[in-house]
Amino acid sequence: MSIDLNNNSLYAEFKDARPSWALVGCALSIGIIANFIEYRMAATITSLSVFGMGGIAISMFFTGIDRLFCVVAAEMHSKIDKRLYLGTITIICAIFCAMLIYTLFLTAQLLAGVMITGCIVDIVQGPSGNFFALTTLYINLVTSAVYAIVGIAVRMKTASSIAPQSATNRRILRCLFAIIALNMGGYILNTGYVVLLRPAITWPVTAWFWQVITAIPLNISAASNGPILYFTSSEYRREFHSAFPCVFQKASKPTQRMLKTITLKRKVADMPKN
């Protein structure tokens, strides 16, 4: 969506139209009418989610840096203070997220009274959208370059290593290729659309449509990290098979207690009364 009053005009078109009763029923059933909300309120409600979203690209960048550190200087990596190391990375990521929230509330001042659908694509627009899209695109491109450097370093070590280490390094290369293609590809496609193509589209509905379309591979990318590690790492599969039954058992205990309580109450209710 654009930063001007196109959102308000779009809202007015919906509000002032005289659709048939069938269309009204469909609109109500999928929440089109109910989903229009004032921008400032939407920004306030979703600020915590936007804060977390702001940390995705920067955290993936530091993940790539950490993997490069492991490959290039494995001995040094094993000796560093992990709390200080991870704490510094966390603080940097939090600062970036806070900057996104700051631009979000600047946008809320500019778009006070503008009605939006409440989707994340409508919320992160204007100054916040420009900041988020540009920085995320650049960070994703740099992250892809970092992973490519990691791949080159692993490739160089593979050529000079013995057979078992060579097989491990080949698995690492496959994992890196999958991360760049699946994990990073969706983010680059989505932010690339926002930065390069979105400004040329003047019709808000068309811009919103293509934003949602490019968000599909983005969501696939967001969910691909676990499957990538599962299918490319025997160590990850072993840990998953070891930990999942315990996690599932602990997570299902409240549900089991609730079902037992419901069953007991039904038995008491079905007992014959004197």
C-alpha atoms as a PDB file:
ATOM      1  CA  MET A   1       0.000   0.000   0.000  1.00  0.00           C
ATOM      2  CA  SER A   2       1.149   3.544  -0.641  1.00  0.00           C
ATOM      3  CA  ILE A   3       1.797   6.164   1.994  1.00  0.00           C
ATOM      4  CA  ASP A   4      -0.751   8.641   0.604  1.00  0.00           C
ATOM      5  CA  LEU A   5      -4.506   8.576   1.092  1.00  0.00           C
ATOM      6  CA  ASN A   6      -5.084   5.733  -1.368  1.00  0.00           C
ATOM      7  CA  ASN A   7      -5.867   3.527   1.613  1.00  0.00           C
ATOM      8  CA  ASN A   8      -8.617   5.898   2.693  1.00  0.00           C
ATOM      9  CA  SER A   9     -10.065   6.004  -0.823  1.00  0.00           C
ATOM     10  CA  LEU A  10      -9.962   2.221  -0.993  1.00  0.00           C
ATOM     11  CA  TYR A  11     -11.764   2.046   2.347  1.00  0.00           C
ATOM     12  CA  ALA A  12     -14.367   4.528   1.083  1.00  0.00           C
ATOM     13  CA  GLU A  13     -14.979   2.402  -2.007  1.00  0.00           C
ATOM     14  CA  PHE A  14     -15.795  -0.586   0.177  1.00  0.00           C
ATOM     15  CA  LYS A  15     -17.896   1.458   2.580  1.00  0.00           C
ATOM     16  CA  ASP A  16     -19.930   3.397   0.020  1.00  0.00           C
ATOM     17  CA  ALA A  17     -20.532   0.517  -2.392  1.00  0.00           C
ATOM     18  CA  ARG A  18     -23.976  -1.098  -2.691  1.00  0.00           C
ATOM     19  CA  PRO A  19     -23.113  -4.784  -3.112  1.00  0.00           C
ATOM     20  CA  SER A  20     -25.578  -7.626  -3.244  1.00  0.00           C
ATOM     21  CA  TRP A  21     -26.510  -9.547  -0.120  1.00  0.00           C
ATOM     22  CA  ALA A  22     -24.407 -12.469  -1.347  1.00  0.00           C
ATOM     23  CA  LEU A  23     -21.313 -10.272  -1.525  1.00  0.00           C
ATOM     24  CA  VAL A  24     -22.030  -8.861   1.916  1.00  0.00           C
ATOM     25  CA  GLY A  25     -22.246 -12.401   3.289  1.00  0.00           C
ATOM     26  CA  CYS A  26     -18.949 -13.373   1.682  1.00  0.00           C
ATOM     27  CA  ALA A  27     -17.279 -10.200   2.924  1.00  0.00           C
ATOM     28  CA  LEU A  28     -18.463 -10.766   6.467  1.00  0.00           C
ATOM     29  CA  SER A  29     -17.468 -14.436   6.378  1.00  0.00           C
ATOM     30  CA  ILE A  30     -13.849 -13.682   5.439  1.00  0.00           C
ATOM     31  CA  GLY A  31     -13.594 -10.568   7.578  1.00  0.00           C
ATOM     32  CA  ILE A  32     -13.044  -7.919   4.894  1.00  0.00           C
ATOM     33  CA  ILE A  33     -15.264  -5.294   6.510  1.00  0.00           C
ATOM     34  CA  ALA A  34     -14.192  -6.076  10.058  1.00  0.00           C
ATOM     35  CA  ASN A  35     -10.493  -5.987   9.167  1.00  0.00           C
ATOM     36  CA  PHE A  36     -10.348  -2.255   8.436  1.00  0.00           C
ATOM     37  CA  ILE A  37      -8.611  -0.598  11.373  1.00  0.00           C
ATOM     38  CA  GLU A  38      -7.027   2.785  11.999  1.00  0.00           C
ATOM     39  CA  TYR A  39      -3.283   2.713  11.312  1.00  0.00           C
ATOM     40  CA  ARG A  40      -2.139   4.041  14.672  1.00  0.00           C
ATOM     41  CA  MET A  41      -4.126   1.420  16.540  1.00  0.00           C
ATOM     42  CA  ALA A  42      -2.854  -1.349  14.242  1.00  0.00           C
ATOM     43  CA  ALA A  43       0.749  -0.205  14.751  1.00  0.00           C
ATOM     44  CA  THR A  44       0.301  -0.252  18.523  1.00  0.00           C
ATOM     45  CA  ILE A  45      -1.262  -3.715  18.538  1.00  0.00           C
ATOM     46  CA  THR A  46       1.384  -5.267  16.282  1.00  0.00           C
ATOM     47  CA  SER A  47       4.450  -3.413  17.602  1.00  0.00           C
ATOM     48  CA  LEU A  48       5.769  -6.486  19.439  1.00  0.00           C
ATOM     49  CA  SER A  49       5.383  -8.644  16.312  1.00  0.00           C
ATOM     50  CA  VAL A  50       7.093  -5.988  14.180  1.00  0.00           C
ATOM     51  CA  PHE A  51       9.915  -5.840  16.740  1.00  0.00           C
ATOM     52  CA  GLY A  52      10.479  -9.576  16.330  1.00  0.00           C
ATOM     53  CA  MET A  53      10.176  -9.390  12.555  1.00  0.00           C
ATOM     54  CA  GLY A  54      12.882  -6.729  12.471  1.00  0.00           C
ATOM     55  CA  GLY A  55      15.366  -9.180  13.937  1.00  0.00           C
ATOM     56  CA  ILE A  56      14.995 -11.853  11.255  1.00  0.00           C
ATOM     57  CA  ALA A  57      17.449 -10.526   8.672  1.00  0.00           C
ATOM     58  CA  ILE A  58      20.069  -9.275  11.121  1.00  0.00           C
ATOM     59  CA  SER A  59      20.010 -12.538  13.105  1.00  0.00           C
ATOM     60  CA  MET A  60      20.446 -14.575   9.894  1.00  0.00           C
ATOM     61  CA  PHE A  61      23.394 -12.332   9.029  1.00  0.00           C
ATOM     62  CA  PHE A  62      25.078 -13.041  12.358  1.00  0.00           C
ATOM     63  CA  THR A  63      24.322 -16.748  11.937  1.00  0.00           C
ATOM     64  CA  GLY A  64      26.277 -16.629   8.679  1.00  0.00           C
ATOM     65  CA  ILE A  65      29.101 -14.701  10.353  1.00  0.00           C
ATOM     66  CA  ASP A  66      29.198 -17.282  13.142  1.00  0.00           C
ATOM     67  CA  ARG A  67      29.431 -20.148  10.632  1.00  0.00           C
ATOM     68  CA  LEU A  68      32.213 -18.342   8.795  1.00  0.00           C
ATOM     69  CA  PHE A  69      33.993 -17.857  12.119  1.00  0.00           C
ATOM     70  CA  CYS A  70      33.641 -21.592  12.856  1.00  0.00           C
ATOM     71  CA  VAL A  71      35.109 -22.589   9.502  1.00  0.00           C
ATOM     72  CA  VAL A  72      37.948 -20.065   9.308  1.00  0.00           C
ATOM     73  CA  ALA A  73      39.010 -20.022  12.980  1.00  0.00           C
ATOM     74  CA  ALA A  74      37.483 -23.057  14.653  1.00  0.00           C
ATOM     75  CA  GLU A  75      39.987 -23.162  17.526  1.00  0.00           C
ATOM     76  CA  MET A  76      39.490 -19.499  18.383  1.00  0.00           C
ATOM     77  CA  HIS A  77      35.705 -19.919  18.165  1.00  0.00           C
ATOM     78  CA  SER A  78      35.810 -22.730  20.722  1.00  0.00           C
ATOM     79  CA  LYS A  79      37.731 -20.576  23.224  1.00  0.00           C
ATOM     80  CA  ILE A  80      35.723 -17.338  23.181  1.00  0.00           C
ATOM     81  CA  ASP A  81      33.368 -16.379  26.002  1.00  0.00           C
ATOM     82  CA  LYS A  82      30.019 -17.569  24.640  1.00  0.00           C
ATOM     83  CA  ARG A  83      27.947 -15.346  26.946  1.00  0.00           C
ATOM     84  CA  LEU A  84      29.786 -12.208  25.891  1.00  0.00           C
ATOM     85  CA  TYR A  85      29.791 -13.303  22.252  1.00  0.00           C
ATOM     86  CA  LEU A  86      26.082 -14.122  22.060  1.00  0.00           C
ATOM     87  CA  GLY A  87      25.136 -11.208  24.327  1.00  0.00           C
ATOM     88  CA  THR A  88      26.829  -8.722  21.998  1.00  0.00           C
ATOM     89  CA  ILE A  89      25.046 -10.177  18.974  1.00  0.00           C
ATOM     90  CA  THR A  90      21.702 -10.067  20.809  1.00  0.00           C
ATOM     91  CA  ILE A  91      22.173  -6.403  21.771  1.00  0.00           C
ATOM     92  CA  ILE A  92      23.002  -5.433  18.175  1.00  0.00           C
ATOM     93  CA  CYS A  93      19.907  -7.272  16.899  1.00  0.00           C
ATOM     94  CA  ALA A  94      17.738  -5.604  19.567  1.00  0.00           C
ATOM     95  CA  ILE A  95      19.022  -2.147  18.578  1.00  0.00           C
ATOM     96  CA  PHE A  96      18.086  -2.819  14.957  1.00  0.00           C
ATOM     97  CA  CYS A  97      14.601  -3.972  16.034  1.00  0.00           C
ATOM     98  CA  ALA A  98      14.176  -0.854  18.198  1.00  0.00           C
ATOM     99  CA  MET A  99      15.063   1.353  15.224  1.00  0.00           C
ATOM    100  CA  LEU A 100      12.301  -0.326  13.204  1.00  0.00           C
ATOM    101  CA  ILE A 101       9.790   0.310  16.009  1.00  0.00           C
ATOM    102  CA  TYR A 102      10.882   3.967  16.114  1.00  0.00           C
ATOM    103  CA  THR A 103      10.220   4.370  12.387  1.00  0.00           C
ATOM    104  CA  LEU A 104       6.896   2.534  12.845  1.00  0.00           C
ATOM    105  CA  PHE A 105       5.626   5.134  15.302  1.00  0.00           C
ATOM    106  CA  LEU A 106       6.939   7.945  13.083  1.00  0.00           C
ATOM    107  CA  THR A 107       4.773   6.450  10.339  1.00  0.00           C
ATOM    108  CA  ALA A 108       1.838   6.310  12.753  1.00  0.00           C
ATOM    109  CA  GLN A 109       2.105  10.084  13.205  1.00  0.00           C
ATOM    110  CA  LEU A 110       2.067  10.629   9.433  1.00  0.00           C
ATOM    111  CA  LEU A 111      -0.800   8.215   8.742  1.00  0.00           C
ATOM    112  CA  ALA A 112      -3.043   9.070  11.679  1.00  0.00           C
ATOM    113  CA  GLY A 113      -6.630   8.301  10.674  1.00  0.00           C
ATOM    114  CA  VAL A 114      -5.707   6.196   7.634  1.00  0.00           C
ATOM    115  CA  MET A 115      -7.695   2.957   7.521  1.00  0.00           C
ATOM    116  CA  ILE A 116      -5.839  -0.260   6.682  1.00  0.00           C
ATOM    117  CA  THR A 117      -6.633  -3.965   6.614  1.00  0.00           C
ATOM    118  CA  GLY A 118      -4.281  -4.785   9.475  1.00  0.00           C
ATOM    119  CA  CYS A 119      -1.994  -6.999   7.365  1.00  0.00           C
ATOM    120  CA  ILE A 120       1.720  -6.664   7.999  1.00  0.00           C
ATOM    121  CA  VAL A 121       2.195  -5.340   4.464  1.00  0.00           C
ATOM    122  CA  ASP A 122      -0.125  -2.429   5.325  1.00  0.00           C
ATOM    123  CA  ILE A 123       1.510  -1.737   8.681  1.00  0.00           C
ATOM    124  CA  VAL A 124       5.151  -1.647   7.559  1.00  0.00           C
ATOM    125  CA  GLN A 125       4.913   1.175   5.033  1.00  0.00           C
ATOM    126  CA  GLY A 126       6.052   4.783   4.724  1.00  0.00           C
ATOM    127  CA  PRO A 127       9.246   5.539   6.708  1.00  0.00           C
ATOM    128  CA  SER A 128       9.106   2.172   8.475  1.00  0.00           C
ATOM    129  CA  GLY A 129       8.606   0.345   5.170  1.00  0.00           C
ATOM    130  CA  ASN A 130      11.478   2.192   3.498  1.00  0.00           C
ATOM    131  CA  PHE A 131      13.807   1.512   6.419  1.00  0.00           C
ATOM    132  CA  PHE A 132      12.793  -2.129   6.761  1.00  0.00           C
ATOM    133  CA  ALA A 133      12.784  -3.012   3.047  1.00  0.00           C
ATOM    134  CA  LEU A 134      16.081  -1.324   2.162  1.00  0.00           C
ATOM    135  CA  THR A 135      18.058  -2.516   5.159  1.00  0.00           C
ATOM    136  CA  THR A 136      16.593  -6.030   4.958  1.00  0.00           C
ATOM    137  CA  LEU A 137      17.429  -6.334   1.247  1.00  0.00           C
ATOM    138  CA  TYR A 138      21.012  -5.174   1.776  1.00  0.00           C
ATOM    139  CA  ILE A 139      21.482  -7.403   4.823  1.00  0.00           C
ATOM    140  CA  ASN A 140      20.083 -10.426   2.963  1.00  0.00           C
ATOM    141  CA  LEU A 141      22.413  -9.831   0.023  1.00  0.00           C
ATOM    142  CA  VAL A 142      25.404  -9.506   2.341  1.00  0.00           C
ATOM    143  CA  THR A 143      24.293 -12.646   4.211  1.00  0.00           C
ATOM    144  CA  SER A 144      24.129 -14.580   0.939  1.00  0.00           C
ATOM    145  CA  ALA A 145      27.653 -13.382   0.146  1.00  0.00           C
ATOM    146  CA  VAL A 146      28.820 -14.519   3.599  1.00  0.00           C
ATOM    147  CA  TYR A 147      27.353 -17.986   3.032  1.00  0.00           C
ATOM    148  CA  ALA A 148      29.039 -18.101  -0.377  1.00  0.00           C
ATOM    149  CA  ILE A 149      32.364 -17.303   1.306  1.00  0.00           C
ATOM    150  CA  VAL A 150      31.681 -20.059   3.848  1.00  0.00           C
ATOM    151  CA  GLY A 151      31.046 -22.449   0.960  1.00  0.00           C
ATOM    152  CA  ILE A 152      34.326 -21.471  -0.699  1.00  0.00           C
ATOM    153  CA  ALA A 153      36.206 -21.965   2.575  1.00  0.00           C
ATOM    154  CA  VAL A 154      34.604 -25.372   3.124  1.00  0.00           C
ATOM    155  CA  ARG A 155      35.361 -26.319  -0.470  1.00  0.00           C
ATOM    156  CA  MET A 156      39.022 -25.438  -0.002  1.00  0.00           C
ATOM    157  CA  LYS A 157      39.183 -27.526   3.174  1.00  0.00           C
ATOM    158  CA  THR A 158      37.427 -30.422   1.420  1.00  0.00           C
ATOM    159  CA  ALA A 159      40.140 -30.598  -1.235  1.00  0.00           C
ATOM    160  CA  SER A 160      42.858 -31.060   1.400  1.00  0.00           C
ATOM    161  CA  SER A 161      41.027 -33.246   3.947  1.00  0.00           C
ATOM    162  CA  ILE A 162      40.822 -36.998   4.461  1.00  0.00           C
ATOM    163  CA  ALA A 163      37.807 -39.036   3.298  1.00  0.00           C
ATOM    164  CA  PRO A 164      35.545 -38.847   6.434  1.00  0.00           C
ATOM    165  CA  GLN A 165      36.117 -35.097   6.797  1.00  0.00           C
ATOM    166  CA  SER A 166      35.564 -34.663   3.069  1.00  0.00           C
ATOM    167  CA  ALA A 167      32.148 -36.369   3.320  1.00  0.00           C
ATOM    168  CA  THR A 168      31.205 -34.106   6.231  1.00  0.00           C
ATOM    169  CA  ASN A 169      32.277 -31.025   4.305  1.00  0.00           C
ATOM    170  CA  ARG A 170      30.203 -32.098   1.300  1.00  0.00           C
ATOM    171  CA  ARG A 171      27.142 -32.321   3.560  1.00  0.00           C
ATOM    172  CA  ILE A 172      27.935 -28.840   4.842  1.00  0.00           C
ATOM    173  CA  LEU A 173      28.131 -27.563   1.259  1.00  0.00           C
ATOM    174  CA  ARG A 174      24.737 -29.086   0.429  1.00  0.00           C
ATOM    175  CA  CYS A 175      23.294 -27.497   3.556  1.00  0.00           C
ATOM    176  CA  LEU A 176      24.742 -24.095   2.627  1.00  0.00           C
ATOM    177  CA  PHE A 177      23.355 -24.332  -0.903  1.00  0.00           C
ATOM    178  CA  ALA A 178      19.895 -25.187   0.455  1.00  0.00           C
ATOM    179  CA  ILE A 179      20.062 -22.293   2.928  1.00  0.00           C
ATOM    180  CA  ILE A 180      20.936 -19.766   0.224  1.00  0.00           C
ATOM    181  CA  ALA A 181      18.377 -21.127  -2.269  1.00  0.00           C
ATOM    182  CA  LEU A 182      15.450 -21.738   0.099  1.00  0.00           C
ATOM    183  CA  ASN A 183      16.082 -19.845   3.313  1.00  0.00           C
ATOM    184  CA  MET A 184      17.479 -16.640   1.798  1.00  0.00           C
ATOM    185  CA  GLY A 185      15.758 -16.750  -1.609  1.00  0.00           C
ATOM    186  CA  GLY A 186      12.263 -15.941  -0.361  1.00  0.00           C
ATOM    187  CA  TYR A 187      13.431 -12.971   1.701  1.00  0.00           C
ATOM    188  CA  ILE A 188      15.454 -11.536  -1.173  1.00  0.00           C
ATOM    189  CA  LEU A 189      12.528 -11.969  -3.592  1.00  0.00           C
ATOM    190  CA  ASN A 190      10.062 -10.232  -1.272  1.00  0.00           C
ATOM    191  CA  THR A 191      12.271  -7.309  -0.260  1.00  0.00           C
ATOM    192  CA  GLY A 192      13.546  -6.970  -3.826  1.00  0.00           C
ATOM    193  CA  TYR A 193       9.956  -6.519  -5.005  1.00  0.00           C
ATOM    194  CA  VAL A 194       9.284  -3.885  -2.337  1.00  0.00           C
ATOM    195  CA  VAL A 195      12.416  -1.883  -3.132  1.00  0.00           C
ATOM    196  CA  LEU A 196      12.683  -2.244  -6.926  1.00  0.00           C
ATOM    197  CA  LEU A 197       9.195  -2.911  -8.344  1.00  0.00           C
ATOM    198  CA  ARG A 198       6.685  -1.647  -5.787  1.00  0.00           C
ATOM    199  CA  PRO A 199       7.388   2.109  -6.388  1.00  0.00           C
ATOM    200  CA  ALA A 200       6.454   1.690 -10.082  1.00  0.00           C
ATOM    201  CA  ILE A 201       2.965   0.303  -9.270  1.00  0.00           C
ATOM    202  CA  THR A 202       0.427   3.077  -8.758  1.00  0.00           C
ATOM    203  CA  TRP A 203      -2.732   1.043  -8.108  1.00  0.00           C
ATOM    204  CA  PRO A 204      -2.844   0.046  -4.399  1.00  0.00           C
ATOM    205  CA  VAL A 205      -4.783  -3.186  -4.921  1.00  0.00           C
ATOM    206  CA  THR A 206      -2.285  -4.437  -7.526  1.00  0.00           C
ATOM    207  CA  ALA A 207       0.647  -3.516  -5.292  1.00  0.00           C
ATOM    208  CA  TRP A 208      -0.954  -5.278  -2.342  1.00  0.00           C
ATOM    209  CA  PHE A 209      -1.695  -8.373  -4.466  1.00  0.00           C
ATOM    210  CA  TRP A 210       1.887  -8.799  -5.623  1.00  0.00           C
ATOM    211  CA  GLN A 211       3.160  -8.105  -2.129  1.00  0.00           C
ATOM    212  CA  VAL A 212       1.088 -11.036  -0.879  1.00  0.00           C
ATOM    213  CA  ILE A 213       2.230 -13.243  -3.792  1.00  0.00           C
ATOM    214  CA  THR A 214       5.916 -12.592  -3.052  1.00  0.00           C
ATOM    215  CA  ALA A 215       5.213 -13.223   0.627  1.00  0.00           C
ATOM    216  CA  ILE A 216       4.394 -16.882  -0.162  1.00  0.00           C
ATOM    217  CA  PRO A 217       8.040 -17.880  -0.879  1.00  0.00           C
ATOM    218  CA  LEU A 218       9.065 -15.656   2.039  1.00  0.00           C
ATOM    219  CA  ASN A 219       6.953 -17.734   4.433  1.00  0.00           C
ATOM    220  CA  ILE A 220       8.342 -20.917   2.888  1.00  0.00           C
ATOM    221  CA  SER A 221      11.831 -19.546   3.563  1.00  0.00           C
ATOM    222  CA  ALA A 222      10.918 -18.719   7.150  1.00  0.00           C
ATOM    223  CA  ALA A 223       9.826 -22.313   7.763  1.00  0.00           C
ATOM    224  CA  SER A 224      12.640 -24.016   5.841  1.00  0.00           C
ATOM    225  CA  ASN A 225      15.542 -23.807   8.280  1.00  0.00           C
ATOM    226  CA  GLY A 226      14.436 -26.754  10.419  1.00  0.00           C
ATOM    227  CA  PRO A 227      13.701 -29.084   7.472  1.00  0.00           C
ATOM    228  CA  ILE A 228      17.003 -28.109   5.819  1.00  0.00           C
ATOM    229  CA  LEU A 229      18.962 -29.079   8.918  1.00  0.00           C
ATOM    230  CA  TYR A 230      16.883 -32.234   9.391  1.00  0.00           C
ATOM    231  CA  PHE A 231      17.516 -33.573   5.883  1.00  0.00           C
ATOM    232  CA  THR A 232      21.163 -32.501   5.585  1.00  0.00           C
ATOM    233  CA  SER A 233      22.531 -33.215   9.063  1.00  0.00           C
ATOM    234  CA  SER A 234      22.601 -36.639  10.707  1.00  0.00           C
ATOM    235  CA  GLU A 235      23.543 -34.982  14.017  1.00  0.00           C
ATOM    236  CA  TYR A 236      20.471 -32.746  13.861  1.00  0.00           C
ATOM    237  CA  ARG A 237      18.229 -35.730  13.057  1.00  0.00           C
ATOM    238  CA  ARG A 238      19.660 -37.668  15.985  1.00  0.00           C
ATOM    239  CA  GLU A 239      19.072 -34.791  18.402  1.00  0.00           C
ATOM    240  CA  PHE A 240      15.585 -34.226  17.010  1.00  0.00           C
ATOM    241  CA  HIS A 241      14.602 -37.873  17.459  1.00  0.00           C
ATOM    242  CA  SER A 242      16.045 -37.783  20.963  1.00  0.00           C
ATOM    243  CA  ALA A 243      14.386 -34.557  22.130  1.00  0.00           C
ATOM    244  CA  PHE A 244      11.030 -34.572  20.314  1.00  0.00           C
ATOM    245  CA  PRO A 245       9.361 -37.416  22.297  1.00  0.00           C
ATOM    246  CA  CYS A 246      10.252 -35.697  25.581  1.00  0.00           C
ATOM    247  CA  VAL A 247       9.019 -32.302  24.375  1.00  0.00           C
ATOM    248  CA  PHE A 248       5.821 -33.816  22.983  1.00  0.00           C
ATOM    249  CA  GLN A 249       5.166 -35.687  26.226  1.00  0.00           C
ATOM    250  CA  LYS A 250       5.600 -32.560  28.344  1.00  0.00           C
ATOM    251  CA  ALA A 251       3.467 -30.465  25.984  1.00  0.00           C
ATOM    252  CA  SER A 252       0.661 -33.028  25.953  1.00  0.00           C
ATOM    253  CA  LYS A 253       0.394 -33.403  29.752  1.00  0.00           C
ATOM    254  CA  PRO A 254      -1.950 -30.386  30.229  1.00  0.00           C
ATOM    255  CA  THR A 255      -4.204 -31.714  27.454  1.00  0.00           C
ATOM    256  CA  GLN A 256      -4.249 -35.187  29.007  1.00  0.00           C
ATOM    257  CA  ARG A 257      -5.185 -33.754  32.415  1.00  0.00           C
ATOM    258  CA  MET A 258      -7.939 -31.680  30.839  1.00  0.00           C
ATOM    259  CA  LEU A 259      -9.352 -34.731  29.022  1.00  0.00           C
ATOM    260  CA  LYS A 260      -9.296 -36.757  32.243  1.00  0.00           C
ATOM    261  CA  THR A 261     -11.158 -33.958  34.037  1.00  0.00           C
ATOM    262  CA  ILE A 262     -13.788 -33.759  31.286  1.00  0.00           C
ATOM    263  CA  THR A 263     -14.231 -37.554  31.307  1.00  0.00           C
ATOM    264  CA  LEU A 264     -14.619 -37.581  35.097  1.00  0.00           C
ATOM    265  CA  LYS A 265     -17.200 -34.802  34.995  1.00  0.00           C
ATOM    266  CA  ARG A 266     -19.177 -36.667  32.328  1.00  0.00           C
ATOM    267  CA  LYS A 267     -19.135 -39.837  34.416  1.00  0.00           C
ATOM    268  CA  VAL A 268     -20.399 -37.904  37.433  1.00  0.00           C
ATOM    269  CA  ALA A 269     -23.111 -36.263  35.327  1.00  0.00           C
ATOM    270  CA  ASP A 270     -24.216 -39.640  33.926  1.00  0.00           C
ATOM    271  CA  MET A 271     -24.480 -41.283  37.335  1.00  0.00           C
ATOM    272  CA  PRO A 272     -28.084 -42.092  38.295  1.00  0.00           C
ATOM    273  CA  LYS A 273     -29.556 -39.702  40.786  1.00  0.00           C
ATOM    274  CA  ASN A 274     -31.567 -40.938  43.777  1.00  0.00           C
END
